[in-house]
Amino acid sequence: MATARRASLVLFRRANSPALLSSSIRRSPLHLLRQRPTPITATATTINTLQSLQSLRPFSSTPRFRNESLLHAERESDQVDVVIVGGGPAGLSAAIRLKQLANASNNADFRVLLLEKAGDMGAHILSGAVIEPSAINELLPDWNSPDNPSRFEGATPVTSDRMRFLTKSRAIPMPGPPQMNNLGIGLTTGNG
């Protein structure tokens, strides 16, 4: 305990010493906050603050949007009924289900806005290029039927599933846990 306390005190002293403020540390967000004591709010942002933040990280993680500038972006406003932040499995499911319920009650004017940080909707959902379809089958039962014009054809169903323990010279068969059974589940590429 005493060693941990001493180490944290040494780190605290070193972090506050001016000799350690290298150029990479000067560009860190903590250094920016120390320089600008004025809080940033949604209604009052300055050009200097935006330029500092823009130099820290690209505007978008998607390569095709990296050249977009925060300083020259047009600001838009819109009236919607529901805003969902994040196009992950929960966000996409919520948006789809809300629109299904609105359409079922003849409310065509019900508007749902889904905000996603990725360049394409649902781009961060793909995990290991395995599509587990139980949730989408429940939400959209005919999503993969042959007569659906919007059918996703990029997935190949798994026909066999094996688990092996690999050594330098052998592959020893072993039973796989039920959670890793992928029979019938679609495989796809992460490249789209």
N, C-alpha and C. Protein backbone atom coordinates (compact mmCIF):
# COMPACT_ATOMS: atom_id res chain seq x y z
N MET A 1 0.83 -1.20 0.00
CA MET A 1 0.00 0.00 0.00
C MET A 1 0.87 1.25 0.00
N ALA A 2 1.92 1.25 0.85
CA ALA A 2 2.80 2.41 0.92
C ALA A 2 3.54 2.60 -0.39
N THR A 3 3.92 1.49 -1.05
CA THR A 3 4.62 1.58 -2.33
C THR A 3 3.71 2.18 -3.40
N ALA A 4 2.45 1.76 -3.41
CA ALA A 4 1.50 2.29 -4.39
C ALA A 4 1.27 3.77 -4.17
N ARG A 5 1.15 4.19 -2.89
CA ARG A 5 0.94 5.60 -2.59
C ARG A 5 2.16 6.42 -3.03
N ARG A 6 3.37 5.89 -2.75
CA ARG A 6 4.59 6.59 -3.12
C ARG A 6 4.67 6.71 -4.65
N ALA A 7 4.32 5.63 -5.35
CA ALA A 7 4.38 5.66 -6.81
C ALA A 7 3.40 6.67 -7.37
N SER A 8 2.20 6.76 -6.79
CA SER A 8 1.24 7.73 -7.31
C SER A 8 1.69 9.15 -7.02
N LEU A 9 2.34 9.39 -5.87
CA LEU A 9 2.85 10.72 -5.59
C LEU A 9 3.97 11.10 -6.56
N VAL A 10 4.84 10.13 -6.87
CA VAL A 10 5.91 10.40 -7.82
C VAL A 10 5.33 10.71 -9.19
N LEU A 11 4.33 9.93 -9.61
CA LEU A 11 3.68 10.19 -10.91
C LEU A 11 3.02 11.55 -10.92
N PHE A 12 2.38 11.93 -9.79
CA PHE A 12 1.73 13.22 -9.72
C PHE A 12 2.76 14.34 -9.84
N ARG A 13 3.89 14.21 -9.15
CA ARG A 13 4.92 15.24 -9.24
C ARG A 13 5.48 15.32 -10.65
N ARG A 14 5.73 14.15 -11.25
CA ARG A 14 6.28 14.14 -12.60
C ARG A 14 5.29 14.70 -13.61
N ALA A 15 4.03 14.40 -13.45
CA ALA A 15 3.03 14.89 -14.40
C ALA A 15 2.90 16.40 -14.32
N ASN A 16 3.13 16.98 -13.15
CA ASN A 16 2.99 18.42 -13.00
C ASN A 16 4.29 19.18 -13.24
N SER A 17 5.38 18.49 -13.49
CA SER A 17 6.64 19.21 -13.71
C SER A 17 6.67 19.73 -15.14
N PRO A 18 7.09 21.00 -15.35
CA PRO A 18 7.09 21.59 -16.68
C PRO A 18 8.06 20.92 -17.64
N ALA A 19 9.06 20.21 -17.14
CA ALA A 19 10.03 19.57 -18.04
C ALA A 19 9.40 18.45 -18.85
N LEU A 20 8.32 17.89 -18.36
CA LEU A 20 7.69 16.76 -19.06
C LEU A 20 6.66 17.19 -20.10
N LEU A 21 6.43 18.47 -20.25
CA LEU A 21 5.42 18.91 -21.22
C LEU A 21 6.01 18.88 -22.63
N SER A 22 6.09 17.71 -23.21
CA SER A 22 6.59 17.57 -24.58
C SER A 22 5.51 18.04 -25.55
N SER A 23 5.86 18.06 -26.84
CA SER A 23 4.89 18.54 -27.82
C SER A 23 3.68 17.62 -27.90
N SER A 24 3.85 16.31 -27.69
CA SER A 24 2.69 15.41 -27.75
C SER A 24 1.76 15.64 -26.56
N ILE A 25 2.32 15.94 -25.39
CA ILE A 25 1.48 16.21 -24.22
C ILE A 25 0.79 17.56 -24.37
N ARG A 26 1.46 18.53 -25.00
CA ARG A 26 0.84 19.84 -25.18
C ARG A 26 -0.40 19.75 -26.06
N ARG A 27 -0.46 18.73 -26.94
CA ARG A 27 -1.62 18.61 -27.82
C ARG A 27 -2.73 17.77 -27.19
N SER A 28 -2.53 17.28 -25.98
CA SER A 28 -3.54 16.42 -25.36
C SER A 28 -4.74 17.25 -24.92
N PRO A 29 -5.92 16.64 -24.80
CA PRO A 29 -7.12 17.37 -24.40
C PRO A 29 -6.99 18.02 -23.04
N LEU A 30 -6.27 17.41 -22.07
CA LEU A 30 -6.12 18.03 -20.76
C LEU A 30 -5.38 19.36 -20.88
N HIS A 31 -4.36 19.40 -21.73
CA HIS A 31 -3.63 20.65 -21.90
C HIS A 31 -4.54 21.71 -22.53
N LEU A 32 -5.39 21.32 -23.48
CA LEU A 32 -6.31 22.28 -24.08
C LEU A 32 -7.28 22.83 -23.05
N LEU A 33 -7.76 21.97 -22.15
CA LEU A 33 -8.69 22.44 -21.13
C LEU A 33 -8.01 23.37 -20.15
N ARG A 34 -6.72 23.13 -19.84
CA ARG A 34 -6.00 24.04 -18.96
C ARG A 34 -5.81 25.40 -19.61
N GLN A 35 -5.62 25.43 -20.94
CA GLN A 35 -5.41 26.70 -21.62
C GLN A 35 -6.69 27.51 -21.73
N ARG A 36 -7.82 26.82 -21.87
CA ARG A 36 -9.09 27.51 -22.09
C ARG A 36 -10.04 27.22 -20.93
N PRO A 37 -10.06 28.07 -19.91
CA PRO A 37 -10.93 27.80 -18.78
C PRO A 37 -12.41 28.00 -19.09
N THR A 38 -12.74 28.66 -20.22
CA THR A 38 -14.13 28.86 -20.58
C THR A 38 -14.75 27.54 -21.02
N PRO A 39 -15.85 27.09 -20.43
CA PRO A 39 -16.45 25.83 -20.84
C PRO A 39 -17.03 25.93 -22.25
N ILE A 40 -16.97 24.83 -22.97
CA ILE A 40 -17.52 24.77 -24.32
C ILE A 40 -18.97 24.33 -24.20
N THR A 41 -19.88 25.11 -24.74
CA THR A 41 -21.29 24.72 -24.73
C THR A 41 -21.77 24.57 -26.16
N ALA A 42 -22.94 24.01 -26.32
CA ALA A 42 -23.47 23.77 -27.66
C ALA A 42 -23.85 25.06 -28.35
N THR A 43 -24.09 26.13 -27.59
CA THR A 43 -24.52 27.37 -28.21
C THR A 43 -23.37 28.34 -28.45
N ALA A 44 -22.25 28.18 -27.76
CA ALA A 44 -21.14 29.11 -27.92
C ALA A 44 -19.84 28.36 -28.11
N THR A 45 -19.49 28.09 -29.37
CA THR A 45 -18.20 27.47 -29.65
C THR A 45 -17.37 28.47 -30.45
N THR A 46 -16.09 28.54 -30.15
CA THR A 46 -15.24 29.49 -30.84
C THR A 46 -14.45 28.80 -31.92
N ILE A 47 -13.97 29.57 -32.88
CA ILE A 47 -13.16 29.02 -33.97
C ILE A 47 -11.88 28.42 -33.42
N ASN A 48 -11.25 29.08 -32.42
CA ASN A 48 -10.02 28.54 -31.83
C ASN A 48 -10.24 27.17 -31.22
N THR A 49 -11.33 27.01 -30.50
CA THR A 49 -11.62 25.72 -29.87
C THR A 49 -11.82 24.66 -30.93
N LEU A 50 -12.58 24.97 -31.97
CA LEU A 50 -12.82 23.99 -33.04
C LEU A 50 -11.52 23.63 -33.75
N GLN A 51 -10.64 24.63 -33.98
CA GLN A 51 -9.36 24.34 -34.63
C GLN A 51 -8.51 23.43 -33.75
N SER A 52 -8.51 23.67 -32.44
CA SER A 52 -7.73 22.83 -31.53
C SER A 52 -8.26 21.41 -31.52
N LEU A 53 -9.57 21.27 -31.44
CA LEU A 53 -10.16 19.93 -31.42
C LEU A 53 -9.95 19.22 -32.75
N GLN A 54 -9.99 19.99 -33.85
CA GLN A 54 -9.83 19.38 -35.16
C GLN A 54 -8.41 18.84 -35.35
N SER A 55 -7.42 19.49 -34.73
CA SER A 55 -6.05 19.01 -34.87
C SER A 55 -5.81 17.74 -34.06
N LEU A 56 -6.67 17.46 -33.06
CA LEU A 56 -6.48 16.28 -32.23
C LEU A 56 -6.91 14.99 -32.92
N ARG A 57 -8.02 15.01 -33.61
CA ARG A 57 -8.59 13.78 -34.16
C ARG A 57 -9.34 14.11 -35.44
N PRO A 58 -9.29 13.24 -36.42
CA PRO A 58 -10.06 13.49 -37.63
C PRO A 58 -11.55 13.59 -37.32
N PHE A 59 -12.27 14.33 -38.16
CA PHE A 59 -13.70 14.53 -37.98
C PHE A 59 -14.45 13.20 -38.02
N SER A 60 -14.01 12.29 -38.87
CA SER A 60 -14.69 11.02 -39.03
C SER A 60 -13.69 9.88 -39.04
N SER A 61 -14.11 8.74 -38.54
CA SER A 61 -13.25 7.57 -38.60
C SER A 61 -13.34 6.89 -39.97
N THR A 62 -14.29 7.30 -40.79
CA THR A 62 -14.44 6.73 -42.12
C THR A 62 -13.58 7.52 -43.09
N PRO A 63 -12.69 6.87 -43.85
CA PRO A 63 -11.75 7.59 -44.71
C PRO A 63 -12.40 8.57 -45.68
N ARG A 64 -13.56 8.26 -46.21
CA ARG A 64 -14.14 9.15 -47.21
C ARG A 64 -14.63 10.47 -46.63
N PHE A 65 -14.80 10.55 -45.29
CA PHE A 65 -15.24 11.79 -44.66
C PHE A 65 -14.13 12.51 -43.91
N ARG A 66 -12.89 12.04 -43.97
CA ARG A 66 -11.81 12.65 -43.18
C ARG A 66 -11.49 14.07 -43.61
N ASN A 67 -11.75 14.44 -44.85
CA ASN A 67 -11.42 15.78 -45.32
C ASN A 67 -12.52 16.79 -45.00
N GLU A 68 -13.60 16.35 -44.40
CA GLU A 68 -14.66 17.26 -44.01
C GLU A 68 -14.16 18.17 -42.89
N SER A 69 -14.50 19.42 -42.93
CA SER A 69 -14.04 20.36 -41.92
C SER A 69 -15.17 20.70 -40.96
N LEU A 70 -14.88 20.70 -39.66
CA LEU A 70 -15.86 21.11 -38.67
C LEU A 70 -16.17 22.59 -38.77
N LEU A 71 -15.19 23.36 -39.22
CA LEU A 71 -15.36 24.81 -39.25
C LEU A 71 -16.32 25.26 -40.33
N HIS A 72 -16.37 24.52 -41.43
CA HIS A 72 -17.17 24.96 -42.57
C HIS A 72 -18.41 24.11 -42.78
N ALA A 73 -18.72 23.25 -41.83
CA ALA A 73 -19.89 22.39 -41.97
C ALA A 73 -21.16 23.21 -41.77
N GLU A 74 -22.15 22.94 -42.62
CA GLU A 74 -23.44 23.62 -42.46
C GLU A 74 -24.17 23.01 -41.28
N ARG A 75 -24.82 23.87 -40.52
CA ARG A 75 -25.59 23.38 -39.39
C ARG A 75 -27.04 23.22 -39.84
N GLU A 76 -27.60 22.08 -39.50
CA GLU A 76 -28.97 21.80 -39.88
C GLU A 76 -29.82 21.61 -38.64
N SER A 77 -31.10 21.87 -38.78
CA SER A 77 -32.04 21.56 -37.71
C SER A 77 -33.26 20.92 -38.34
N ASP A 78 -33.88 20.05 -37.59
CA ASP A 78 -35.03 19.31 -38.11
C ASP A 78 -35.93 18.93 -36.94
N GLN A 79 -37.20 18.80 -37.20
CA GLN A 79 -38.16 18.40 -36.19
C GLN A 79 -38.43 16.91 -36.35
N VAL A 80 -38.17 16.14 -35.30
CA VAL A 80 -38.42 14.69 -35.32
C VAL A 80 -39.14 14.30 -34.04
N ASP A 81 -39.73 13.12 -34.05
CA ASP A 81 -40.43 12.63 -32.87
C ASP A 81 -39.49 11.93 -31.89
N VAL A 82 -38.53 11.16 -32.43
CA VAL A 82 -37.59 10.41 -31.59
C VAL A 82 -36.20 10.52 -32.19
N VAL A 83 -35.20 10.77 -31.34
CA VAL A 83 -33.80 10.76 -31.76
C VAL A 83 -33.12 9.60 -31.04
N ILE A 84 -32.46 8.74 -31.82
CA ILE A 84 -31.73 7.61 -31.26
C ILE A 84 -30.26 7.83 -31.56
N VAL A 85 -29.43 7.82 -30.54
CA VAL A 85 -27.99 8.03 -30.71
C VAL A 85 -27.30 6.67 -30.72
N GLY A 86 -26.67 6.37 -31.85
CA GLY A 86 -25.93 5.12 -32.00
C GLY A 86 -26.67 4.11 -32.85
N GLY A 87 -26.03 3.69 -33.93
CA GLY A 87 -26.62 2.73 -34.85
C GLY A 87 -26.13 1.33 -34.59
N GLY A 88 -25.91 0.99 -33.34
CA GLY A 88 -25.54 -0.39 -33.00
C GLY A 88 -26.78 -1.27 -33.02
N PRO A 89 -26.67 -2.49 -32.54
CA PRO A 89 -27.83 -3.39 -32.57
C PRO A 89 -29.05 -2.82 -31.85
N ALA A 90 -28.86 -2.22 -30.69
CA ALA A 90 -30.00 -1.68 -29.94
C ALA A 90 -30.60 -0.47 -30.64
N GLY A 91 -29.76 0.43 -31.14
CA GLY A 91 -30.26 1.62 -31.82
C GLY A 91 -31.01 1.29 -33.10
N LEU A 92 -30.42 0.42 -33.93
CA LEU A 92 -31.09 0.02 -35.17
C LEU A 92 -32.40 -0.70 -34.87
N SER A 93 -32.38 -1.60 -33.90
CA SER A 93 -33.60 -2.33 -33.55
C SER A 93 -34.68 -1.39 -33.05
N ALA A 94 -34.30 -0.43 -32.22
CA ALA A 94 -35.28 0.52 -31.69
C ALA A 94 -35.88 1.36 -32.82
N ALA A 95 -35.05 1.83 -33.73
CA ALA A 95 -35.55 2.65 -34.84
C ALA A 95 -36.49 1.85 -35.74
N ILE A 96 -36.10 0.63 -36.07
CA ILE A 96 -36.95 -0.21 -36.92
C ILE A 96 -38.28 -0.51 -36.24
N ARG A 97 -38.22 -0.87 -34.95
CA ARG A 97 -39.46 -1.23 -34.24
C ARG A 97 -40.37 -0.02 -34.07
N LEU A 98 -39.82 1.15 -33.79
CA LEU A 98 -40.65 2.35 -33.67
C LEU A 98 -41.37 2.66 -34.98
N LYS A 99 -40.66 2.54 -36.10
CA LYS A 99 -41.29 2.78 -37.40
C LYS A 99 -42.35 1.72 -37.71
N GLN A 100 -42.10 0.47 -37.33
CA GLN A 100 -43.10 -0.58 -37.52
C GLN A 100 -44.37 -0.27 -36.74
N LEU A 101 -44.21 0.14 -35.48
CA LEU A 101 -45.37 0.48 -34.65
C LEU A 101 -46.11 1.69 -35.19
N ALA A 102 -45.37 2.69 -35.67
CA ALA A 102 -46.00 3.88 -36.24
C ALA A 102 -46.77 3.53 -37.51
N ASN A 103 -46.19 2.71 -38.36
CA ASN A 103 -46.89 2.31 -39.59
C ASN A 103 -48.12 1.46 -39.29
N ALA A 104 -48.03 0.61 -38.27
CA ALA A 104 -49.17 -0.23 -37.89
C ALA A 104 -50.33 0.60 -37.37
N SER A 105 -50.05 1.75 -36.76
CA SER A 105 -51.11 2.62 -36.25
C SER A 105 -51.44 3.75 -37.23
N ASN A 106 -51.07 3.58 -38.50
CA ASN A 106 -51.36 4.56 -39.57
C ASN A 106 -50.82 5.95 -39.26
N ASN A 107 -49.67 6.02 -38.64
CA ASN A 107 -49.04 7.30 -38.33
C ASN A 107 -47.81 7.45 -39.23
N ALA A 108 -48.04 7.77 -40.50
CA ALA A 108 -46.94 7.86 -41.47
C ALA A 108 -46.06 9.08 -41.22
N ASP A 109 -46.55 10.06 -40.46
CA ASP A 109 -45.77 11.27 -40.19
C ASP A 109 -44.81 11.12 -39.02
N PHE A 110 -44.83 9.99 -38.34
CA PHE A 110 -43.94 9.76 -37.20
C PHE A 110 -42.51 9.65 -37.71
N ARG A 111 -41.62 10.52 -37.19
CA ARG A 111 -40.25 10.58 -37.69
C ARG A 111 -39.26 10.13 -36.63
N VAL A 112 -38.36 9.24 -37.04
CA VAL A 112 -37.29 8.73 -36.17
C VAL A 112 -35.97 9.13 -36.79
N LEU A 113 -35.09 9.73 -36.01
CA LEU A 113 -33.76 10.11 -36.47
C LEU A 113 -32.74 9.24 -35.75
N LEU A 114 -31.89 8.58 -36.54
CA LEU A 114 -30.85 7.72 -35.98
C LEU A 114 -29.50 8.34 -36.28
N LEU A 115 -28.75 8.71 -35.24
CA LEU A 115 -27.42 9.31 -35.39
C LEU A 115 -26.37 8.22 -35.26
N GLU A 116 -25.46 8.15 -36.24
CA GLU A 116 -24.43 7.11 -36.26
C GLU A 116 -23.10 7.76 -36.57
N LYS A 117 -22.05 7.40 -35.82
CA LYS A 117 -20.73 7.98 -36.04
C LYS A 117 -20.00 7.33 -37.20
N ALA A 118 -20.38 6.13 -37.57
CA ALA A 118 -19.72 5.44 -38.69
C ALA A 118 -20.18 6.04 -40.01
N GLY A 119 -19.42 5.80 -41.05
CA GLY A 119 -19.77 6.32 -42.37
C GLY A 119 -21.01 5.69 -42.95
N ASP A 120 -21.29 4.44 -42.58
CA ASP A 120 -22.46 3.72 -43.08
C ASP A 120 -23.26 3.22 -41.89
N MET A 121 -24.57 3.12 -42.07
CA MET A 121 -25.44 2.67 -40.99
C MET A 121 -25.10 1.23 -40.60
N GLY A 122 -24.86 1.01 -39.32
CA GLY A 122 -24.57 -0.33 -38.82
C GLY A 122 -23.16 -0.81 -39.11
N ALA A 123 -22.26 0.08 -39.45
CA ALA A 123 -20.90 -0.33 -39.83
C ALA A 123 -20.12 -0.94 -38.66
N HIS A 124 -20.48 -0.60 -37.43
CA HIS A 124 -19.75 -1.13 -36.28
C HIS A 124 -20.39 -2.38 -35.70
N ILE A 125 -21.42 -2.92 -36.35
CA ILE A 125 -22.11 -4.10 -35.82
C ILE A 125 -21.35 -5.37 -36.12
N LEU A 126 -20.74 -5.45 -37.28
CA LEU A 126 -20.12 -6.69 -37.74
C LEU A 126 -19.00 -7.10 -36.79
N SER A 127 -19.10 -8.29 -36.25
CA SER A 127 -18.10 -8.79 -35.31
C SER A 127 -17.59 -10.13 -35.79
N GLY A 128 -16.35 -10.17 -36.23
CA GLY A 128 -15.77 -11.42 -36.66
C GLY A 128 -16.37 -11.97 -37.93
N ALA A 129 -17.07 -11.17 -38.68
CA ALA A 129 -17.70 -11.54 -39.94
C ALA A 129 -18.70 -12.68 -39.79
N VAL A 130 -19.29 -12.83 -38.62
CA VAL A 130 -20.37 -13.81 -38.40
C VAL A 130 -21.63 -13.02 -38.09
N ILE A 131 -22.69 -13.29 -38.84
CA ILE A 131 -23.96 -12.60 -38.62
C ILE A 131 -24.89 -13.54 -37.87
N GLU A 132 -25.19 -13.24 -36.62
CA GLU A 132 -26.10 -14.05 -35.83
C GLU A 132 -27.51 -13.50 -36.09
N PRO A 133 -28.38 -14.23 -36.79
CA PRO A 133 -29.61 -13.65 -37.31
C PRO A 133 -30.83 -13.69 -36.40
N SER A 134 -30.73 -14.17 -35.17
CA SER A 134 -31.94 -14.35 -34.36
C SER A 134 -32.67 -13.03 -34.12
N ALA A 135 -31.95 -11.95 -33.82
CA ALA A 135 -32.61 -10.67 -33.56
C ALA A 135 -33.24 -10.09 -34.82
N ILE A 136 -32.53 -10.15 -35.94
CA ILE A 136 -33.09 -9.59 -37.17
C ILE A 136 -34.23 -10.47 -37.69
N ASN A 137 -34.19 -11.79 -37.45
CA ASN A 137 -35.31 -12.66 -37.82
C ASN A 137 -36.57 -12.31 -37.04
N GLU A 138 -36.39 -11.93 -35.78
CA GLU A 138 -37.54 -11.55 -34.95
C GLU A 138 -38.09 -10.19 -35.37
N LEU A 139 -37.20 -9.27 -35.70
CA LEU A 139 -37.61 -7.91 -36.04
C LEU A 139 -38.16 -7.81 -37.47
N LEU A 140 -37.48 -8.42 -38.41
CA LEU A 140 -37.88 -8.40 -39.83
C LEU A 140 -37.92 -9.85 -40.34
N PRO A 141 -39.04 -10.54 -40.16
CA PRO A 141 -39.07 -11.97 -40.49
C PRO A 141 -38.73 -12.29 -41.95
N ASP A 142 -39.03 -11.43 -42.89
CA ASP A 142 -38.78 -11.74 -44.31
C ASP A 142 -37.53 -11.06 -44.86
N TRP A 143 -36.61 -10.68 -44.00
CA TRP A 143 -35.43 -9.94 -44.46
C TRP A 143 -34.58 -10.73 -45.44
N ASN A 144 -34.57 -12.04 -45.34
CA ASN A 144 -33.70 -12.85 -46.19
C ASN A 144 -34.48 -13.78 -47.12
N SER A 145 -35.78 -13.52 -47.30
CA SER A 145 -36.57 -14.38 -48.19
C SER A 145 -36.24 -14.06 -49.65
N PRO A 146 -36.33 -15.04 -50.54
CA PRO A 146 -35.96 -14.82 -51.95
C PRO A 146 -36.81 -13.77 -52.66
N ASP A 147 -38.05 -13.54 -52.23
CA ASP A 147 -38.90 -12.56 -52.90
C ASP A 147 -38.74 -11.14 -52.35
N ASN A 148 -37.85 -10.93 -51.39
CA ASN A 148 -37.59 -9.60 -50.83
C ASN A 148 -36.61 -8.86 -51.75
N PRO A 149 -37.02 -7.72 -52.35
CA PRO A 149 -36.12 -7.00 -53.25
C PRO A 149 -34.90 -6.40 -52.55
N SER A 150 -34.98 -6.17 -51.24
CA SER A 150 -33.86 -5.60 -50.48
C SER A 150 -33.07 -6.69 -49.78
N ARG A 151 -33.16 -7.90 -50.25
CA ARG A 151 -32.54 -9.05 -49.59
C ARG A 151 -31.02 -8.89 -49.51
N PHE A 152 -30.48 -9.23 -48.35
CA PHE A 152 -29.03 -9.21 -48.15
C PHE A 152 -28.46 -10.52 -48.69
N GLU A 153 -27.67 -10.44 -49.75
CA GLU A 153 -27.14 -11.64 -50.38
C GLU A 153 -25.66 -11.86 -50.08
N GLY A 154 -25.09 -11.07 -49.19
CA GLY A 154 -23.66 -11.17 -48.93
C GLY A 154 -23.26 -12.23 -47.93
N ALA A 155 -24.22 -12.92 -47.33
CA ALA A 155 -23.89 -13.91 -46.30
C ALA A 155 -23.98 -15.32 -46.85
N THR A 156 -23.01 -16.14 -46.51
CA THR A 156 -22.99 -17.56 -46.87
C THR A 156 -23.28 -18.36 -45.62
N PRO A 157 -24.31 -19.22 -45.62
CA PRO A 157 -24.61 -19.99 -44.41
C PRO A 157 -23.53 -21.02 -44.09
N VAL A 158 -23.25 -21.19 -42.82
CA VAL A 158 -22.27 -22.18 -42.36
C VAL A 158 -22.88 -23.57 -42.51
N THR A 159 -22.15 -24.49 -43.18
CA THR A 159 -22.65 -25.86 -43.38
C THR A 159 -21.95 -26.87 -42.48
N SER A 160 -20.75 -26.58 -42.00
CA SER A 160 -20.08 -27.48 -41.06
C SER A 160 -19.28 -26.65 -40.07
N ASP A 161 -19.15 -27.20 -38.88
CA ASP A 161 -18.51 -26.47 -37.79
C ASP A 161 -17.64 -27.46 -37.00
N ARG A 162 -16.35 -27.18 -36.89
CA ARG A 162 -15.43 -28.07 -36.17
C ARG A 162 -14.52 -27.24 -35.27
N MET A 163 -14.12 -27.86 -34.17
CA MET A 163 -13.16 -27.21 -33.28
C MET A 163 -11.95 -28.13 -33.13
N ARG A 164 -10.77 -27.54 -33.22
CA ARG A 164 -9.52 -28.29 -33.12
C ARG A 164 -8.60 -27.61 -32.11
N PHE A 165 -7.85 -28.42 -31.36
CA PHE A 165 -6.78 -27.93 -30.50
C PHE A 165 -5.50 -28.08 -31.31
N LEU A 166 -4.85 -26.96 -31.62
CA LEU A 166 -3.68 -26.98 -32.50
C LEU A 166 -2.38 -27.05 -31.71
N THR A 167 -1.52 -27.98 -32.13
CA THR A 167 -0.16 -28.07 -31.60
C THR A 167 0.78 -27.77 -32.77
N LYS A 168 2.09 -27.93 -32.55
CA LYS A 168 3.04 -27.68 -33.64
C LYS A 168 2.84 -28.64 -34.81
N SER A 169 2.44 -29.86 -34.52
CA SER A 169 2.37 -30.86 -35.59
C SER A 169 1.00 -31.50 -35.75
N ARG A 170 0.04 -31.22 -34.88
CA ARG A 170 -1.25 -31.90 -34.96
C ARG A 170 -2.41 -30.94 -34.76
N ALA A 171 -3.58 -31.39 -35.24
CA ALA A 171 -4.85 -30.72 -34.97
C ALA A 171 -5.74 -31.75 -34.30
N ILE A 172 -5.91 -31.64 -33.00
CA ILE A 172 -6.64 -32.63 -32.22
C ILE A 172 -8.12 -32.23 -32.16
N PRO A 173 -9.04 -33.10 -32.67
CA PRO A 173 -10.47 -32.77 -32.61
C PRO A 173 -10.94 -32.69 -31.16
N MET A 174 -11.82 -31.75 -30.90
CA MET A 174 -12.40 -31.61 -29.57
C MET A 174 -13.81 -31.08 -29.69
N PRO A 175 -14.66 -31.36 -28.73
CA PRO A 175 -16.04 -30.86 -28.81
C PRO A 175 -16.07 -29.35 -28.59
N GLY A 176 -16.89 -28.68 -29.38
CA GLY A 176 -17.02 -27.23 -29.23
C GLY A 176 -18.13 -26.88 -28.26
N PRO A 177 -17.98 -25.79 -27.53
CA PRO A 177 -19.06 -25.37 -26.63
C PRO A 177 -20.29 -24.96 -27.44
N PRO A 178 -21.48 -25.12 -26.90
CA PRO A 178 -22.69 -24.80 -27.65
C PRO A 178 -22.76 -23.33 -28.09
N GLN A 179 -22.11 -22.43 -27.36
CA GLN A 179 -22.14 -21.01 -27.73
C GLN A 179 -21.39 -20.76 -29.03
N MET A 180 -20.51 -21.67 -29.41
CA MET A 180 -19.71 -21.48 -30.63
C MET A 180 -20.26 -22.28 -31.80
N ASN A 181 -21.47 -22.79 -31.70
CA ASN A 181 -22.11 -23.50 -32.80
C ASN A 181 -22.63 -22.48 -33.80
N ASN A 182 -22.10 -22.49 -35.02
CA ASN A 182 -22.47 -21.51 -36.03
C ASN A 182 -23.24 -22.11 -37.20
N LEU A 183 -23.76 -23.33 -37.08
CA LEU A 183 -24.48 -23.95 -38.19
C LEU A 183 -25.69 -23.12 -38.58
N GLY A 184 -25.79 -22.81 -39.87
CA GLY A 184 -26.91 -22.02 -40.38
C GLY A 184 -26.74 -20.52 -40.25
N ILE A 185 -25.77 -20.08 -39.50
CA ILE A 185 -25.51 -18.65 -39.34
C ILE A 185 -24.71 -18.17 -40.54
N GLY A 186 -24.92 -16.92 -40.94
CA GLY A 186 -24.25 -16.40 -42.12
C GLY A 186 -22.85 -15.89 -41.85
N LEU A 187 -21.95 -16.16 -42.79
CA LEU A 187 -20.60 -15.61 -42.78
C LEU A 187 -20.51 -14.57 -43.88
N THR A 188 -19.80 -13.52 -43.63
CA THR A 188 -19.63 -12.48 -44.63
C THR A 188 -18.24 -11.88 -44.49
N THR A 189 -17.89 -11.01 -45.40
CA THR A 189 -16.59 -10.34 -45.33
C THR A 189 -16.76 -8.99 -44.66
N GLY A 190 -15.73 -8.53 -43.97
CA GLY A 190 -15.77 -7.21 -43.35
C GLY A 190 -15.55 -6.09 -44.34
N ASN A 191 -15.20 -6.39 -45.58
CA ASN A 191 -14.91 -5.37 -46.59
C ASN A 191 -16.16 -4.89 -47.31
N GLY A 192 -17.28 -5.53 -47.10
CA GLY A 192 -18.53 -5.14 -47.74
C GLY A 192 -18.57 -5.69 -49.09
